[in-house]
Each structure stands twice: as structure tokens, then as C-alpha cells.
C-alpha atoms as a PDB file:
ATOM      1  CA  MET A   1     -30.683 -31.734  11.882  1.00  0.00           C
ATOM      2  CA  PRO A   2     -34.064 -31.546  14.141  1.00  0.00           C
ATOM      3  CA  SER A   3     -32.913 -31.169  17.772  1.00  0.00           C
ATOM      4  CA  GLU A   4     -33.616 -33.946  20.205  1.00  0.00           C
ATOM      5  CA  SER A   5     -34.010 -32.029  23.308  1.00  0.00           C
ATOM      6  CA  THR A   6     -37.435 -31.470  24.612  1.00  0.00           C
ATOM      7  CA  PRO A   7     -39.510 -29.101  23.836  1.00  0.00           C
ATOM      8  CA  ALA A   8     -39.969 -26.454  26.715  1.00  0.00           C
ATOM      9  CA  PRO A   9     -43.808 -26.384  27.555  1.00  0.00           C
ATOM     10  CA  VAL A  10     -46.288 -24.292  26.161  1.00  0.00           C
ATOM     11  CA  PRO A  11     -48.270 -22.182  28.638  1.00  0.00           C
ATOM     12  CA  THR A  12     -51.788 -21.482  28.199  1.00  0.00           C
ATOM     13  CA  ALA A  13     -53.617 -18.410  28.338  1.00  0.00           C
ATOM     14  CA  THR A  14     -53.780 -18.650  32.260  1.00  0.00           C
ATOM     15  CA  GLY A  15     -49.849 -19.029  32.648  1.00  0.00           C
ATOM     16  CA  ALA A  16     -49.815 -22.692  33.517  1.00  0.00           C
ATOM     17  CA  PRO A  17     -47.941 -25.568  31.505  1.00  0.00           C
ATOM     18  CA  GLY A  18     -49.738 -26.299  28.625  1.00  0.00           C
ATOM     19  CA  PRO A  19     -50.905 -29.960  27.884  1.00  0.00           C
ATOM     20  CA  ASP A  20     -47.723 -30.963  26.368  1.00  0.00           C
ATOM     21  CA  ALA A  21     -45.559 -29.854  29.857  1.00  0.00           C
ATOM     22  CA  ASP A  22     -43.074 -32.366  31.576  1.00  0.00           C
ATOM     23  CA  PRO A  23     -45.269 -34.329  34.141  1.00  0.00           C
ATOM     24  CA  ASN A  24     -41.970 -33.991  36.522  1.00  0.00           C
ATOM     25  CA  ARG A  25     -41.453 -30.318  35.998  1.00  0.00           C
ATOM     26  CA  SER A  26     -45.803 -29.499  37.082  1.00  0.00           C
ATOM     27  CA  LEU A  27     -45.185 -31.628  39.985  1.00  0.00           C
ATOM     28  CA  GLU A  28     -41.978 -29.713  41.567  1.00  0.00           C
ATOM     29  CA  VAL A  29     -44.036 -26.603  40.507  1.00  0.00           C
ATOM     30  CA  GLY A  30     -47.107 -27.829  42.594  1.00  0.00           C
ATOM     31  CA  LEU A  31     -44.545 -28.787  45.242  1.00  0.00           C
ATOM     32  CA  ASP A  32     -43.061 -25.218  45.340  1.00  0.00           C
ATOM     33  CA  ALA A  33     -46.153 -23.721  45.356  1.00  0.00           C
ATOM     34  CA  LEU A  34     -46.985 -25.594  48.670  1.00  0.00           C
ATOM     35  CA  GLN A  35     -43.918 -24.519  50.245  1.00  0.00           C
ATOM     36  CA  THR A  36     -44.111 -20.894  49.191  1.00  0.00           C
ATOM     37  CA  ASN A  37     -47.880 -20.498  50.497  1.00  0.00           C
ATOM     38  CA  ALA A  38     -47.696 -21.779  53.764  1.00  0.00           C
ATOM     39  CA  PRO A  39     -45.712 -18.857  55.244  1.00  0.00           C
ATOM     40  CA  ALA A  40     -48.305 -16.452  53.112  1.00  0.00           C
ATOM     41  CA  ARG A  41     -51.138 -18.418  55.416  1.00  0.00           C
ATOM     42  CA  ARG A  42     -49.472 -17.519  58.601  1.00  0.00           C
ATOM     43  CA  LYS A  43     -48.643 -13.604  57.249  1.00  0.00           C
ATOM     44  CA  ARG A  44     -52.328 -13.273  56.734  1.00  0.00           C
ATOM     45  CA  LEU A  45     -53.152 -13.976  60.006  1.00  0.00           C
ATOM     46  CA  GLY A  46     -51.786 -10.491  61.012  1.00  0.00           C
ATOM     47  CA  VAL A  47     -52.384  -9.191  64.480  1.00  0.00           C
ATOM     48  CA  TRP A  48     -55.773 -11.402  64.632  1.00  0.00           C
ATOM     49  CA  PRO A  49     -54.270 -14.299  67.149  1.00  0.00           C
ATOM     50  CA  LEU A  50     -53.753 -10.843  69.437  1.00  0.00           C
ATOM     51  CA  LEU A  51     -56.359  -9.315  68.837  1.00  0.00           C
ATOM     52  CA  ALA A  52     -59.298 -12.679  69.216  1.00  0.00           C
ATOM     53  CA  PRO A  53     -58.620 -13.271  72.689  1.00  0.00           C
ATOM     54  CA  VAL A  54     -59.226  -9.099  73.494  1.00  0.00           C
ATOM     55  CA  LEU A  55     -62.477  -9.154  71.532  1.00  0.00           C
ATOM     56  CA  ALA A  56     -63.424 -12.555  73.403  1.00  0.00           C
ATOM     57  CA  ILE A  57     -62.908 -11.190  76.864  1.00  0.00           C
ATOM     58  CA  ALA A  58     -64.506  -7.803  75.931  1.00  0.00           C
ATOM     59  CA  GLY A  59     -67.476  -9.313  74.758  1.00  0.00           C
ATOM     60  CA  LEU A  60     -67.684 -11.598  77.936  1.00  0.00           C
ATOM     61  CA  ILE A  61     -67.381  -8.346  79.986  1.00  0.00           C
ATOM     62  CA  GLY A  62     -70.038  -6.586  78.268  1.00  0.00           C
ATOM     63  CA  VAL A  63     -72.625  -9.461  78.481  1.00  0.00           C
ATOM     64  CA  TRP A  64     -71.463  -9.749  81.808  1.00  0.00           C
ATOM     65  CA  GLN A  65     -72.334  -6.289  82.317  1.00  0.00           C
ATOM     66  CA  LEU A  66     -75.673  -6.368  80.533  1.00  0.00           C
ATOM     67  CA  PHE A  67     -76.876  -9.522  82.664  1.00  0.00           C
ATOM     68  CA  VAL A  68     -76.087  -7.183  85.840  1.00  0.00           C
ATOM     69  CA  MET A  69     -77.951  -4.212  84.410  1.00  0.00           C
ATOM     70  CA  SER A  70     -80.825  -6.569  83.557  1.00  0.00           C
ATOM     71  CA  GLY A  71     -81.762  -6.908  87.311  1.00  0.00           C
ATOM     72  CA  VAL A  72     -82.592 -10.860  87.364  1.00  0.00           C
ATOM     73  CA  ARG A  73     -80.222 -11.289  90.176  1.00  0.00           C
ATOM     74  CA  PRO A  74     -79.783  -8.645  93.346  1.00  0.00           C
ATOM     75  CA  ARG A  75     -76.446  -7.126  92.730  1.00  0.00           C
ATOM     76  CA  TYR A  76     -74.986  -8.696  95.892  1.00  0.00           C
ATOM     77  CA  ILE A  77     -75.212 -12.062  94.248  1.00  0.00           C
ATOM     78  CA  VAL A  78     -73.803 -11.193  90.950  1.00  0.00           C
ATOM     79  CA  PRO A  79     -71.631  -7.702  91.387  1.00  0.00           C
ATOM     80  CA  GLY A  80     -70.846  -5.948  87.990  1.00  0.00           C
ATOM     81  CA  PRO A  81     -67.703  -5.454  86.597  1.00  0.00           C
ATOM     82  CA  MET A  82     -66.720  -2.323  88.052  1.00  0.00           C
ATOM     83  CA  ASP A  83     -67.361  -3.495  91.630  1.00  0.00           C
ATOM     84  CA  VAL A  84     -65.361  -6.607  90.925  1.00  0.00           C
ATOM     85  CA  LEU A  85     -62.163  -4.535  90.011  1.00  0.00           C
ATOM     86  CA  THR A  86     -63.152  -1.890  93.082  1.00  0.00           C
ATOM     87  CA  GLN A  87     -62.636  -4.769  95.078  1.00  0.00           C
ATOM     88  CA  ALA A  88     -59.611  -5.936  93.501  1.00  0.00           C
ATOM     89  CA  GLY A  89     -58.320  -2.794  93.759  1.00  0.00           C
ATOM     90  CA  ALA A  90     -58.482  -2.690  97.268  1.00  0.00           C
ATOM     91  CA  ALA A  91     -56.902  -6.662  97.820  1.00  0.00           C
ATOM     92  CA  TRP A  92     -53.992  -5.486  96.244  1.00  0.00           C
ATOM     93  CA  ALA A  93     -53.310  -2.271  98.681  1.00  0.00           C
ATOM     94  CA  ARG A  94     -54.024  -4.669 101.425  1.00  0.00           C
ATOM     95  CA  GLY A  95     -51.353  -7.197  99.742  1.00  0.00           C
ATOM     96  CA  ASP A  96     -54.016  -9.840  99.908  1.00  0.00           C
ATOM     97  CA  ILE A  97     -53.410 -10.464  96.155  1.00  0.00           C
ATOM     98  CA  GLN A  98     -49.376 -10.556  95.978  1.00  0.00           C
ATOM     99  CA  THR A  99     -49.651 -13.028  99.096  1.00  0.00           C
ATOM    100  CA  ALA A 100     -52.393 -15.345  97.579  1.00  0.00           C
ATOM    101  CA  LEU A 101     -50.766 -15.550  94.334  1.00  0.00           C
ATOM    102  CA  MET A 102     -47.128 -15.948  95.818  1.00  0.00           C
ATOM    103  CA  THR A 103     -48.268 -18.853  97.654  1.00  0.00           C
ATOM    104  CA  SER A 104     -50.541 -20.614  95.573  1.00  0.00           C
ATOM    105  CA  MET A 105     -48.052 -20.079  92.586  1.00  0.00           C
ATOM    106  CA  GLU A 106     -44.775 -21.655  94.710  1.00  0.00           C
ATOM    107  CA  ARG A 107     -46.603 -24.486  95.464  1.00  0.00           C
ATOM    108  CA  GLY A 108     -48.268 -25.159  92.151  1.00  0.00           C
ATOM    109  CA  LEU A 109     -44.946 -24.867  90.502  1.00  0.00           C
ATOM    110  CA  VAL A 110     -42.404 -26.728  92.907  1.00  0.00           C
ATOM    111  CA  GLY A 111     -45.739 -29.582  93.382  1.00  0.00           C
ATOM    112  CA  PHE A 112     -45.610 -29.616  89.510  1.00  0.00           C
ATOM    113  CA  ALA A 113     -42.018 -29.633  88.966  1.00  0.00           C
ATOM    114  CA  VAL A 114     -41.535 -32.881  91.728  1.00  0.00           C
ATOM    115  CA  SER A 115     -44.247 -34.846  89.923  1.00  0.00           C
ATOM    116  CA  VAL A 116     -42.782 -34.456  86.430  1.00  0.00           C
ATOM    117  CA  VAL A 117     -39.294 -35.932  88.234  1.00  0.00           C
ATOM    118  CA  ILE A 118     -41.662 -38.515  89.555  1.00  0.00           C
ATOM    119  CA  ALA A 119     -43.735 -39.456  86.704  1.00  0.00           C
ATOM    120  CA  THR A 120     -41.471 -39.480  83.620  1.00  0.00           C
ATOM    121  CA  PRO A 121     -39.580 -42.557  85.248  1.00  0.00           C
ATOM    122  CA  ILE A 122     -42.440 -43.913  85.818  1.00  0.00           C
ATOM    123  CA  GLY A 123     -43.845 -43.634  82.413  1.00  0.00           C
ATOM    124  CA  ILE A 124     -41.129 -45.034  80.662  1.00  0.00           C
ATOM    125  CA  LEU A 125     -41.227 -47.830  82.977  1.00  0.00           C
ATOM    126  CA  VAL A 126     -44.732 -48.535  82.100  1.00  0.00           C
ATOM    127  CA  ALA A 127     -44.593 -47.973  78.564  1.00  0.00           C
ATOM    128  CA  ARG A 128     -41.479 -50.040  77.850  1.00  0.00           C
ATOM    129  CA  VAL A 129     -42.225 -52.975  80.547  1.00  0.00           C
ATOM    130  CA  ARG A 130     -45.077 -55.448  79.738  1.00  0.00           C
ATOM    131  CA  TRP A 131     -45.963 -57.027  83.309  1.00  0.00           C
ATOM    132  CA  VAL A 132     -45.439 -53.283  84.652  1.00  0.00           C
ATOM    133  CA  ARG A 133     -47.819 -52.254  82.219  1.00  0.00           C
ATOM    134  CA  LEU A 134     -50.685 -55.373  83.004  1.00  0.00           C
ATOM    135  CA  ALA A 135     -49.977 -54.699  86.508  1.00  0.00           C
ATOM    136  CA  PHE A 136     -50.232 -50.887  87.376  1.00  0.00           C
ATOM    137  CA  GLY A 137     -51.629 -49.358  84.086  1.00  0.00           C
ATOM    138  CA  PRO A 138     -55.298 -50.075  84.983  1.00  0.00           C
ATOM    139  CA  ILE A 139     -54.308 -48.206  88.845  1.00  0.00           C
ATOM    140  CA  ILE A 140     -52.214 -45.380  87.349  1.00  0.00           C
ATOM    141  CA  THR A 141     -55.672 -44.821  85.087  1.00  0.00           C
ATOM    142  CA  GLY A 142     -57.995 -45.438  88.086  1.00  0.00           C
ATOM    143  CA  LEU A 143     -55.758 -42.823  90.100  1.00  0.00           C
ATOM    144  CA  GLN A 144     -56.364 -40.491  87.014  1.00  0.00           C
ATOM    145  CA  VAL A 145     -60.011 -40.304  87.020  1.00  0.00           C
ATOM    146  CA  LEU A 146     -60.324 -40.171  90.865  1.00  0.00           C
ATOM    147  CA  PRO A 147     -61.309 -36.716  91.732  1.00  0.00           C
ATOM    148  CA  SER A 148     -58.473 -35.073  93.354  1.00  0.00           C
ATOM    149  CA  VAL A 149     -60.237 -33.142  95.873  1.00  0.00           C
ATOM    150  CA  ALA A 150     -61.024 -37.025  97.672  1.00  0.00           C
ATOM    151  CA  TRP A 151     -57.260 -36.828  98.639  1.00  0.00           C
ATOM    152  CA  VAL A 152     -57.958 -33.759 100.503  1.00  0.00           C
ATOM    153  CA  PRO A 153     -59.645 -35.190 103.959  1.00  0.00           C
ATOM    154  CA  ALA A 154     -56.700 -38.292 103.786  1.00  0.00           C
ATOM    155  CA  ALA A 155     -54.293 -35.546 103.420  1.00  0.00           C
ATOM    156  CA  ILE A 156     -55.370 -33.450 106.064  1.00  0.00           C
ATOM    157  CA  LEU A 157     -55.632 -36.310 108.392  1.00  0.00           C
ATOM    158  CA  TRP A 158     -52.365 -37.512 107.583  1.00  0.00           C
ATOM    159  CA  PHE A 159     -50.220 -34.507 107.356  1.00  0.00           C
ATOM    160  CA  GLY A 160     -52.521 -31.694 108.963  1.00  0.00           C
ATOM    161  CA  LEU A 161     -53.149 -28.190 107.879  1.00  0.00           C
ATOM    162  CA  THR A 162     -49.287 -28.071 106.582  1.00  0.00           C
ATOM    163  CA  ASN A 163     -47.694 -27.303 103.445  1.00  0.00           C
ATOM    164  CA  ALA A 164     -47.378 -30.965 102.981  1.00  0.00           C
ATOM    165  CA  THR A 165     -51.500 -31.926 102.644  1.00  0.00           C
ATOM    166  CA  ALA A 166     -51.229 -29.312  99.380  1.00  0.00           C
ATOM    167  CA  TYR A 167     -48.186 -31.217  97.948  1.00  0.00           C
ATOM    168  CA  PHE A 168     -49.407 -34.759  98.324  1.00  0.00           C
ATOM    169  CA  VAL A 169     -52.496 -33.638  96.467  1.00  0.00           C
ATOM    170  CA  ILE A 170     -50.664 -32.075  93.423  1.00  0.00           C
ATOM    171  CA  LEU A 171     -48.750 -35.197  93.350  1.00  0.00           C
ATOM    172  CA  MET A 172     -51.767 -37.372  93.388  1.00  0.00           C
ATOM    173  CA  GLY A 173     -53.782 -34.978  90.706  1.00  0.00           C
ATOM    174  CA  ALA A 174     -50.570 -34.842  88.020  1.00  0.00           C
ATOM    175  CA  ILE A 175     -48.386 -37.695  88.126  1.00  0.00           C
ATOM    176  CA  PRO A 176     -51.300 -39.750  87.094  1.00  0.00           C
ATOM    177  CA  SER A 177     -51.807 -37.387  83.813  1.00  0.00           C
ATOM    178  CA  ILE A 178     -47.989 -37.174  82.995  1.00  0.00           C
ATOM    179  CA  VAL A 179     -47.450 -41.102  83.182  1.00  0.00           C
ATOM    180  CA  ASN A 180     -50.110 -41.779  81.067  1.00  0.00           C
ATOM    181  CA  GLY A 181     -49.352 -39.182  78.570  1.00  0.00           C
ATOM    182  CA  LEU A 182     -45.777 -40.231  78.320  1.00  0.00           C
ATOM    183  CA  VAL A 183     -47.559 -43.782  78.014  1.00  0.00           C
ATOM    184  CA  ALA A 184     -49.433 -42.990  75.305  1.00  0.00           C
ATOM    185  CA  GLY A 185     -46.228 -40.778  73.305  1.00  0.00           C
ATOM    186  CA  VAL A 186     -44.143 -43.646  73.494  1.00  0.00           C
ATOM    187  CA  ASP A 187     -46.887 -46.126  72.069  1.00  0.00           C
ATOM    188  CA  HIS A 188     -47.205 -43.802  68.958  1.00  0.00           C
ATOM    189  CA  VAL A 189     -43.426 -44.256  68.415  1.00  0.00           C
ATOM    190  CA  PRO A 190     -42.808 -46.296  65.038  1.00  0.00           C
ATOM    191  CA  PRO A 191     -41.255 -49.573  65.427  1.00  0.00           C
ATOM    192  CA  LEU A 192     -38.739 -48.428  62.922  1.00  0.00           C
ATOM    193  CA  TYR A 193     -37.437 -46.140  65.015  1.00  0.00           C
ATOM    194  CA  ARG A 194     -36.204 -48.348  67.620  1.00  0.00           C
ATOM    195  CA  ARG A 195     -35.094 -51.025  64.859  1.00  0.00           C
ATOM    196  CA  VAL A 196     -32.689 -48.325  63.585  1.00  0.00           C
ATOM    197  CA  GLY A 197     -31.807 -47.562  66.964  1.00  0.00           C
ATOM    198  CA  ARG A 198     -30.811 -51.095  67.676  1.00  0.00           C
ATOM    199  CA  VAL A 199     -28.670 -51.337  64.085  1.00  0.00           C
ATOM    200  CA  LEU A 200     -27.018 -47.794  64.999  1.00  0.00           C
ATOM    201  CA  GLY A 201     -26.055 -49.662  68.681  1.00  0.00           C
ATOM    202  CA  ALA A 202     -27.994 -47.673  70.915  1.00  0.00           C
ATOM    203  CA  GLY A 203     -28.251 -49.585  73.822  1.00  0.00           C
ATOM    204  CA  PRO A 204     -31.546 -49.484  76.004  1.00  0.00           C
ATOM    205  CA  VAL A 205     -31.040 -46.517  78.374  1.00  0.00           C
ATOM    206  CA  ALA A 206     -29.455 -44.439  74.663  1.00  0.00           C
ATOM    207  CA  GLN A 207     -32.450 -45.801  72.584  1.00  0.00           C
ATOM    208  CA  VAL A 208     -34.531 -44.233  75.184  1.00  0.00           C
ATOM    209  CA  ARG A 209     -32.863 -40.887  75.632  1.00  0.00           C
ATOM    210  CA  HIS A 210     -32.060 -40.556  71.705  1.00  0.00           C
ATOM    211  CA  VAL A 211     -35.040 -42.500  69.927  1.00  0.00           C
ATOM    212  CA  VAL A 212     -37.744 -43.118  72.069  1.00  0.00           C
ATOM    213  CA  LEU A 213     -38.379 -39.661  73.976  1.00  0.00           C
ATOM    214  CA  PRO A 214     -38.164 -37.299  71.356  1.00  0.00           C
ATOM    215  CA  ALA A 215     -40.156 -39.683  69.163  1.00  0.00           C
ATOM    216  CA  ALA A 216     -42.456 -39.141  72.163  1.00  0.00           C
ATOM    217  CA  LEU A 217     -42.555 -35.454  73.009  1.00  0.00           C
ATOM    218  CA  PRO A 218     -46.108 -34.541  71.389  1.00  0.00           C
ATOM    219  CA  GLY A 219     -48.000 -36.777  73.786  1.00  0.00           C
ATOM    220  CA  TYR A 220     -45.431 -36.395  76.575  1.00  0.00           C
ATOM    221  CA  VAL A 221     -46.257 -32.214  76.334  1.00  0.00           C
ATOM    222  CA  ALA A 222     -49.943 -33.213  76.272  1.00  0.00           C
ATOM    223  CA  GLY A 223     -49.552 -35.038  79.521  1.00  0.00           C
ATOM    224  CA  LEU A 224     -47.499 -32.307  81.086  1.00  0.00           C
ATOM    225  CA  LYS A 225     -50.275 -29.823  80.157  1.00  0.00           C
ATOM    226  CA  GLN A 226     -52.815 -32.274  81.629  1.00  0.00           C
ATOM    227  CA  GLY A 227     -50.970 -32.648  84.364  1.00  0.00           C
ATOM    228  CA  TRP A 228     -50.120 -29.429  84.992  1.00  0.00           C
ATOM    229  CA  ALA A 229     -54.059 -28.713  84.821  1.00  0.00           C
ATOM    230  CA  PHE A 230     -54.746 -31.522  87.113  1.00  0.00           C
ATOM    231  CA  SER A 231     -51.852 -29.889  89.930  1.00  0.00           C
ATOM    232  CA  TRP A 232     -53.426 -26.693  89.472  1.00  0.00           C
ATOM    233  CA  ARG A 233     -57.133 -27.922  90.082  1.00  0.00           C
ATOM    234  CA  SER A 234     -55.908 -29.939  93.008  1.00  0.00           C
ATOM    235  CA  LEU A 235     -54.109 -27.062  94.664  1.00  0.00           C
ATOM    236  CA  MET A 236     -57.552 -24.941  94.344  1.00  0.00           C
ATOM    237  CA  ALA A 237     -59.265 -27.751  96.041  1.00  0.00           C
ATOM    238  CA  ALA A 238     -56.916 -28.397  98.885  1.00  0.00           C
ATOM    239  CA  GLU A 239     -56.766 -24.357  99.656  1.00  0.00           C
ATOM    240  CA  ILE A 240     -60.261 -24.319  99.694  1.00  0.00           C
ATOM    241  CA  ILE A 241     -60.981 -27.146 102.048  1.00  0.00           C
ATOM    242  CA  ALA A 242     -57.608 -27.107 104.547  1.00  0.00           C
ATOM    243  CA  VAL A 243     -57.801 -23.606 105.820  1.00  0.00           C
ATOM    244  CA  GLY A 244     -55.856 -22.411 109.155  1.00  0.00           C
ATOM    245  CA  GLY A 245     -52.932 -24.035 110.504  1.00  0.00           C
ATOM    246  CA  ALA A 246     -49.633 -23.432 108.781  1.00  0.00           C
ATOM    247  CA  ILE A 247     -51.083 -24.059 105.167  1.00  0.00           C
ATOM    248  CA  GLY A 248     -50.999 -20.232 104.207  1.00  0.00           C
ATOM    249  CA  PHE A 249     -53.234 -17.805 102.417  1.00  0.00           C
ATOM    250  CA  GLY A 250     -53.593 -19.252  98.707  1.00  0.00           C
ATOM    251  CA  LEU A 251     -55.883 -18.111  96.207  1.00  0.00           C
ATOM    252  CA  GLY A 252     -58.325 -20.824  97.234  1.00  0.00           C
ATOM    253  CA  SER A 253     -58.086 -19.561 100.975  1.00  0.00           C
ATOM    254  CA  MET A 254     -59.125 -16.192  98.990  1.00  0.00           C
ATOM    255  CA  LEU A 255     -62.021 -18.288  97.318  1.00  0.00           C
ATOM    256  CA  GLN A 256     -63.024 -19.776 100.820  1.00  0.00           C
ATOM    257  CA  GLN A 257     -62.966 -16.346 102.236  1.00  0.00           C
ATOM    258  CA  GLY A 258     -65.347 -14.466 100.290  1.00  0.00           C
ATOM    259  CA  ARG A 259     -67.809 -17.459 100.706  1.00  0.00           C
ATOM    260  CA  GLU A 260     -67.332 -17.250 104.359  1.00  0.00           C
ATOM    261  CA  ILE A 261     -68.091 -13.555 104.725  1.00  0.00           C
ATOM    262  CA  GLN A 262     -70.505 -14.090 101.502  1.00  0.00           C
ATOM    263  CA  ASP A 263     -68.924 -11.145  99.488  1.00  0.00           C
ATOM    264  CA  MET A 264     -69.305 -12.177  95.775  1.00  0.00           C
ATOM    265  CA  THR A 265     -66.727  -9.563  95.199  1.00  0.00           C
ATOM    266  CA  ILE A 266     -63.801 -11.449  96.776  1.00  0.00           C
ATOM    267  CA  VAL A 267     -64.908 -14.513  94.997  1.00  0.00           C
ATOM    268  CA  ALA A 268     -65.023 -12.830  91.642  1.00  0.00           C
ATOM    269  CA  VAL A 269     -61.722 -11.755  92.331  1.00  0.00           C
ATOM    270  CA  ALA A 270     -60.363 -15.217  93.423  1.00  0.00           C
ATOM    271  CA  ILE A 271     -62.013 -16.666  90.398  1.00  0.00           C
ATOM    272  CA  LEU A 272     -60.775 -14.212  88.139  1.00  0.00           C
ATOM    273  CA  LEU A 273     -57.052 -14.474  89.432  1.00  0.00           C
ATOM    274  CA  ILE A 274     -57.300 -18.495  89.311  1.00  0.00           C
ATOM    275  CA  LEU A 275     -58.533 -18.275  85.468  1.00  0.00           C
ATOM    276  CA  VAL A 276     -55.373 -15.729  84.453  1.00  0.00           C
ATOM    277  CA  VAL A 277     -52.533 -17.965  85.896  1.00  0.00           C
ATOM    278  CA  GLY A 278     -54.109 -20.420  83.923  1.00  0.00           C
ATOM    279  CA  ILE A 279     -54.231 -18.235  80.847  1.00  0.00           C
ATOM    280  CA  LEU A 280     -50.892 -17.062  81.187  1.00  0.00           C
ATOM    281  CA  VAL A 281     -49.253 -20.736  82.173  1.00  0.00           C
ATOM    282  CA  GLU A 282     -50.793 -21.484  78.780  1.00  0.00           C
ATOM    283  CA  LEU A 283     -49.860 -18.649  76.785  1.00  0.00           C
ATOM    284  CA  LEU A 284     -46.414 -18.714  77.939  1.00  0.00           C
ATOM    285  CA  VAL A 285     -45.356 -22.145  78.558  1.00  0.00           C
ATOM    286  CA  PHE A 286     -47.114 -24.862  76.741  1.00  0.00           C
ATOM    287  CA  GLY A 287     -48.505 -22.702  73.958  1.00  0.00           C
ATOM    288  CA  PRO A 288     -45.144 -21.578  72.825  1.00  0.00           C
ATOM    289  CA  LEU A 289     -43.941 -25.255  73.400  1.00  0.00           C
ATOM    290  CA  GLU A 290     -46.629 -26.967  71.259  1.00  0.00           C
ATOM    291  CA  ARG A 291     -45.791 -24.390  68.710  1.00  0.00           C
ATOM    292  CA  ARG A 292     -42.328 -25.263  68.353  1.00  0.00           C
ATOM    293  CA  LEU A 293     -42.995 -28.926  68.306  1.00  0.00           C
ATOM    294  CA  GLN A 294     -45.084 -28.425  65.378  1.00  0.00           C
ATOM    295  CA  ARG A 295     -42.625 -26.259  63.769  1.00  0.00           C
ATOM    296  CA  ARG A 296     -39.887 -28.857  63.884  1.00  0.00           C
ATOM    297  CA  ARG A 297     -42.357 -31.507  62.647  1.00  0.00           C
ATOM    298  CA  GLY A 298     -43.562 -29.291  59.635  1.00  0.00           C
ATOM    299  CA  LEU A 299     -47.166 -29.071  61.430  1.00  0.00           C
ATOM    300  CA  ALA A 300     -47.324 -25.309  61.790  1.00  0.00           C
ATOM    301  CA  ALA A 301     -48.856 -24.432  58.640  1.00  0.00           C
ATOM    302  CA  GLU A 302     -51.380 -27.045  58.704  1.00  0.00           C
ATOM    303  CA  THR A 303     -52.475 -26.032  61.999  1.00  0.00           C
ATOM    304  CA  ALA A 304     -52.389 -22.265  61.090  1.00  0.00           C
ATOM    305  CA  ARG A 305     -55.074 -22.587  58.749  1.00  0.00           C
END
């Protein structure tokens, strides 16, 4: 008797299943290919993620040097890379760079941490309580749009030339961004998640902790990243304007010092240090955090392409 089993698919010349192949089997093969090709795409990147920024920086330094050599602007207005490097070495030998970095980083990290502690419950409250959002949502957005430098004169009058002035400006720059980022993340949580949480017996606090916040993490992390950027910029503005007293010597103070003595090499060193801190925080903190979230949500392969 003829066999009633399904005949094996006849491969074509290219190795793919022929027209008589089982469509379900073809679908499985396609899904397997998608899963196995994703890591291959990431491996093909090789050292490029590390090499690309180095090449970009080298190219920018080369353009900078060519502009200096062209003589379009005097050397004391646009110093060359070696002039700035020499000034950086001298500032390091004097201890100016170490003092400025330690002062600004301490203020920035402490101010940002306090901002996160304050902004997180406010963001949850605004996102979950309708009348709070209606009343305070526009105000928080307005505070986010308001330039942080506008708070510096008021902070000096209120707190004097002290660290409190810098911390106040940091808080006013970071908190609105973190709150709005968390609100945006909560708004994008599917309602089904909350309903499942209620069915499983989660109360309001447990639902926020175990359902809403984990699902809102991408928006929350984006808000944290923007909040750090705002807090760092706010701190630099405060240190540039509020000079003297007990406020200490930070990167903004170094920038202002270079402007006062009309030494562009000091200004360039301060600008580069501020930029380096921003890049390192992105590479060491927010970049890995975002990639971890993407891997947990199955998005790493797509973003690597």
C-alpha cells in the first residue's frame, strides 16, 4: 500500500524548499534564519563601534589644525591643538584641572541624584492622578522649557555665593525633564498590563512598582538622560555667573577665568573638559543602560543594523 505520510520537500537547485514543501516548515526555517542572523549582524560590526569615534575625533582635530594654519583668525583667538594641550599640561601641574573636575562632578552627581529622588514620585503622581496632571502638567513643561540660566540671578540673591546656588539651579534644570520623561513612559504602558496586574491582585503601590515602572523604563531612562544633560548645563551656567565667595572653583569657573584674562587656551581646555565629562557619562552610564534595556526587550538586533 502507498504510504500516507507527507512526502519530504524537494529542494531546489539553490537549496531552498521546492513548491511542494510544507508551508509551516518554510515558516519555521524563516524564523530560525531571523534569530540566527541577528547575532551575525552584530558580530560583523567588529571594532567599528570603537574605531568610529576615534576616527571622528582625529578628523575634527585635523580640521581644527588646518583652520589654524590657514591664518584666517589670529593664533591668540583660535589656538592650535598643541597650544591647548600645552595649557592643559600646565593646568594639570598646577592642580587646576583636578580641582575643577572634582568640584563640578561632585555637585553634578549629588544634584542629579537628589533630582531623581524628588522627580520620580512627582512623575508617578502626575502620570497616575488626573487632576494633578491637569493642574501641574503645563507648569512642569513650562519649567522644562525655561532656560536654567534664568534661575541663577534669583539663586544668588536667595542663597548667596554658596553651593546651595549651584544645587538649586541643578534641581530646577533636571527635575522637570525627569518628571516629563517618566510621565511619557507611563503613558505608553499598554492598559492591558494594568488590567492583568489588577486580576493578579496587585494593589495600587504594587502595581506601580511591579507593572507600571518596569514597563515605563524606556521613557524613564530617556528622561533621566535628558535630566542629566539639563543638570550639567545648568551647573556650568551657575559656575560661570556665580564666581567667588564659597562657591569654589569648578569647570565653569575655569571657563570664566579664561575669559577674564583673555586666554583662549584656558577657555578651550575648560570647554573640552566639559565635553569629555558629557561623553564619558554617556559611554559609561546611559549608553550601557539603554543597550541593556534593548536586549531585554529584543530590540538590540534591530538597532545594531
